[in-house]
Amino acid sequence: FPDDGQRYELLEGFLIVTPAPGVPHQLIGARLQTALMNYLETAAYVVGPGVVQRPPKTHLEPDLLVFPPPLPRTEKWTDLAGHWLAVEVFSPSSRRYDRDYKRDAYLALGVREVWLIDRWERSVLVSNREGGKDRRVVDALTWQAPELRARFRLELAGLFQDL
């Protein structure tokens, strides 16, 4: 893909091009990444953006990706053993793709849980592979990492502060 400031993704062979994220989008991502890293410590890795792919037709880049150790010996994203969590922060240009296409693709590719963050509605839509109903969170986001006893908890008021 060209290095022109746009985000290029493939979903079952269809090209998705979105503009680079803006300041509010990146601020939400940074706040969430910091909170997740503090919670997980060394139990998992949190990167942003990450890559979830099934070559040659699917290459998706969630805003944040959480995956367990060990790190693969190669630099290939396809060599990761699993994906615990993929997070998308809605932008005006990505909202439809994130909600209507990418969420289901992440789950089909083996991601255990997907969060779709909507700063305008100040909410998070949580979806998981177990096939339960999606849940819309408006107060505090909670999550249980597969390897940890403690639960992650994040007040959404802090995530959306000043936005």
Foldseek 3Di string as FASTA:
>chain_A
DDPDQWDWWFDQQDIDIGHHDDDLQVLLLVVVQVLVCVVCVQQWDKDAFAWQDDPPGGIDTARIWIAGDDDDPDPDSVPGPATAEGEHEDDPRCVCCVPPPVQVVCLVSHHAKYWYQYLVLLWIWIDGNVPDDIDIDRAKDWADGPVDPDIRIDGSCVSNPPD
